[in-house]
Amino acid sequence: MTHAFRFYQIGGPEVLKWEEVPLGKPGPGEVQVRHTAVGLNFTDIYSRAGVYAPPAFPSGIGLEGAGVVAEVGSGVKEFKPGQRVAYGSGPLGAYAEARNLPAHRLVPLPKGISDQQAAAMMLKGLTAQYLLRRTYKVKKGDTILIHAAAGGVGLIVCQWAKALGATVIGTVGSDEKAALAKAHGCHHPIVYTREDFVKRVLEITGGKKVPVVYDSVGKDTFMKSLDCLAPLGLMALFGQSSGAVEPFNLGILAMKGSLYITRPTLGTYGADPKEMRAGAKELFDLVLKKKIKIEINQTYPLQDAARAQADLAARKTTGSTVFTV
């Protein structure tokens, strides 16, 4: 037996239940991981609230964690008991003391990367990796716009894009968050609560606008973000913290410059284990070279998951949040 959070219906943080649950031996191709740290992500709120409905109830929650291999199932050759591992793309159930996982979803942790760092950056860092290196391949000289620049993904994107030679424009909700984003590579933080970010993007780019917008906010920023894109520009909508984008006439994309839109997910980009592990290696290398610093600005005991989710939804957090187990 082990303890884990489960929920039996969609709803607010109060639907999360800390329970004793059975944990059998790992099956063929599986690894049993004893968690030492678990990551908090906005996608956890989406699962609980029904935006990304779980396949069945009761459901586990959480996609990202790190820990130690306790046992391996038959056919598993690449991992052994005592080895440090991490994962960032599920399946659901990371809010647990221990769990069994498919071996192909795990990556070994190198020396120099702590368990808490790994739990803080696997989902967010791999998201930054596919956004910057695959969805739109950022190159030296590009100017990009990232919303929620002081958030977990945002801080990684700012640092990584700067390392690639790009100029980074980022929106944030306060002066404190602006200072944090700037300290992590955001050249032009925009406090959206008092500044029109479309106007500022036009000023910063001399009217040229940007080739890509990375938007995890959704409803509140989407239409104005389109006005920040240069002709043939790409809108990468990878989240919806303010709500789902409402249906709109696709002819708007033509009028605004033959724009492109994509709704990418790590589940798709990380589906191939080889590509997922290659992305993780690139991320780890940049962290070890200190080109990316993982900001763990909040920690909570795992049992306080409901409170942590409420704080994240209320935008009381910056950088990454980690649960200790």
Foldseek 3Di string as FASTA:
>chain_A
DWWAWWAFAADALVRTDIDDDDADAAEAQKWKFQFFKAFDDVVQNCCRNVVPDDPHPRFATGFWTKGFTCCDYPPDDPDDGGFIKIAGGDDHHRLIRMHMDRPLRIDGDDPPQDRHNRNFQLNLLLVLLCVCPPPPPQAAPFEEEEELLQAANNLQNQLVNVVRNYAYEYEDQDPVSQVNSVVSRHPHYDNVVPDDVLVVLCVVVVNQAGQEYEAAQAQVCPVSNLSRHHAQHEYEHAHHLPDHHDDDDPVVCVVSHVYYYDHDHCCVQCVDSVSSNVSVVVSSVCVSVVSHDQDAPEEEASVCVSVVSVCVSVVVDGHIYMHGD
